[in-house]
């Protein structure tokens, strides 16, 4: 394992950054247990001469756990008590980092 892979392992394992989740390919099936890092940056979107700041959800997942994520996959993050979890759907083509170790996936909360 390289130094970068060990650093990524530490980041995803950190309870302050990483979360346990279930990844469902195509949004179906039992799902695979994975560790994710969820980010919520704001996006600035232009409308003519105006700008709007919209919330975004990005989910990082290790390529070793999800080798081929795709639009339509879902990520379920369990809550602290039953019925309090969140379900996200991948809404855009995932992007790999420069070392191809981590996927960043844009997601939307599903009701």
Protein backbone atom coordinates (compact mmCIF):
# COMPACT_ATOMS: atom_id res chain seq x y z
CA UNK A 1 0.00 0.00 0.00
CA UNK A 2 1.42 3.39 -0.99
CA UNK A 3 1.64 6.38 1.35
CA UNK A 4 -1.23 8.06 -0.50
CA UNK A 5 -3.42 4.96 -0.18
CA UNK A 6 -2.65 4.82 3.56
CA UNK A 7 -3.58 8.50 3.92
CA UNK A 8 -6.87 7.93 2.07
CA UNK A 9 -7.60 4.94 4.30
CA UNK A 10 -7.08 7.14 7.38
CA UNK A 11 -9.37 9.86 5.99
CA UNK A 12 -12.21 7.51 5.07
CA UNK A 13 -11.87 5.65 8.41
CA UNK A 14 -11.97 8.86 10.48
CA UNK A 15 -15.40 9.06 12.18
CA UNK A 16 -15.35 12.87 11.82
CA UNK A 17 -15.06 12.67 8.02
CA UNK A 18 -16.22 9.28 6.81
CA UNK A 19 -19.61 7.62 7.13
CA UNK A 20 -20.85 4.08 6.68
CA UNK A 21 -23.28 3.76 3.78
CA UNK A 22 -24.99 1.29 1.47
CA UNK A 23 -24.25 1.67 -2.25
CA UNK A 24 -26.90 0.29 -4.58
CA UNK A 25 -26.04 -0.08 -8.25
CA UNK A 26 -28.96 1.25 -10.27
CA UNK A 27 -30.76 1.97 -6.99
CA UNK A 28 -31.75 -1.67 -6.54
CA UNK A 29 -30.75 -4.68 -4.51
CA UNK A 30 -29.39 -5.14 -1.01
CA UNK A 31 -26.45 -2.81 -1.58
CA UNK A 32 -22.78 -3.01 -0.69
CA UNK A 33 -21.37 -1.60 2.54
CA UNK A 34 -18.95 1.25 1.80
CA UNK A 35 -17.31 4.21 3.52
CA UNK A 36 -18.02 7.64 2.02
CA UNK A 37 -17.09 11.24 2.63
CA UNK A 38 -20.01 13.60 2.09
CA UNK A 39 -19.37 17.24 1.11
CA UNK A 40 -21.92 20.04 0.79
CA UNK A 41 -20.29 22.93 -1.04
CA UNK A 42 -22.29 25.80 -2.49
CA UNK A 43 -22.36 26.20 -6.27
CA UNK A 44 -22.62 29.58 -7.96
CA UNK A 45 -24.94 29.42 -10.98
CA UNK A 46 -25.28 32.31 -13.41
CA UNK A 47 -28.60 33.42 -14.89
CA UNK A 48 -27.87 36.19 -17.39
CA UNK A 49 -26.47 39.05 -15.31
CA UNK A 50 -27.59 37.47 -12.03
CA UNK A 51 -26.04 34.80 -9.86
CA UNK A 52 -27.62 32.29 -7.54
CA UNK A 53 -25.91 30.24 -4.86
CA UNK A 54 -27.31 26.72 -4.73
CA UNK A 55 -26.43 23.95 -2.29
CA UNK A 56 -24.77 20.85 -3.73
CA UNK A 57 -24.05 17.37 -2.40
CA UNK A 58 -20.86 15.58 -3.39
CA UNK A 59 -20.08 12.05 -2.24
CA UNK A 60 -16.55 10.66 -2.36
CA UNK A 61 -16.15 6.88 -2.45
CA UNK A 62 -13.02 4.79 -2.89
CA UNK A 63 -12.63 3.14 -6.25
CA UNK A 64 -11.61 -0.07 -4.47
CA UNK A 65 -15.13 -0.24 -2.99
CA UNK A 66 -17.16 1.02 -5.98
CA UNK A 67 -15.21 0.39 -9.19
CA UNK A 68 -17.82 1.75 -11.61
CA UNK A 69 -20.34 4.20 -10.11
CA UNK A 70 -23.01 5.57 -12.45
CA UNK A 71 -25.91 7.96 -12.68
CA UNK A 72 -28.92 6.34 -11.02
CA UNK A 73 -26.97 4.55 -8.30
CA UNK A 74 -28.17 5.31 -4.76
CA UNK A 75 -26.33 5.84 -1.50
CA UNK A 76 -28.13 5.26 1.78
CA UNK A 77 -26.63 6.76 4.91
CA UNK A 78 -28.25 5.27 8.00
CA UNK A 79 -29.32 7.61 10.80
CA UNK A 80 -28.76 7.20 14.51
CA UNK A 81 -32.25 5.71 14.93
CA UNK A 82 -34.55 3.79 12.56
CA UNK A 83 -36.17 5.92 9.88
CA UNK A 84 -33.74 8.83 10.26
CA UNK A 85 -31.32 7.99 7.47
CA UNK A 86 -30.83 9.78 4.16
CA UNK A 87 -31.07 8.40 0.63
CA UNK A 88 -29.15 10.08 -2.18
CA UNK A 89 -29.23 9.40 -5.92
CA UNK A 90 -26.19 9.95 -8.13
CA UNK A 91 -27.30 12.56 -10.68
CA UNK A 92 -24.20 13.17 -12.79
CA UNK A 93 -21.32 11.21 -14.25
CA UNK A 94 -18.82 10.46 -11.44
CA UNK A 95 -15.34 11.96 -11.76
CA UNK A 96 -12.15 10.16 -10.68
CA UNK A 97 -9.28 11.95 -8.96
CA UNK A 98 -5.93 12.28 -10.75
CA UNK A 99 -4.61 9.05 -9.18
CA UNK A 100 -7.89 7.21 -9.92
CA UNK A 101 -8.29 6.18 -6.28
CA UNK A 102 -11.45 8.12 -5.38
CA UNK A 103 -14.67 8.87 -7.25
CA UNK A 104 -16.49 12.16 -6.62
CA UNK A 105 -20.20 11.81 -7.32
CA UNK A 106 -22.77 14.60 -7.48
CA UNK A 107 -25.92 13.53 -5.67
CA UNK A 108 -29.42 14.70 -4.81
CA UNK A 109 -31.46 13.85 -1.76
CA UNK A 110 -34.34 11.51 -2.59
CA UNK A 111 -37.57 11.98 -0.68
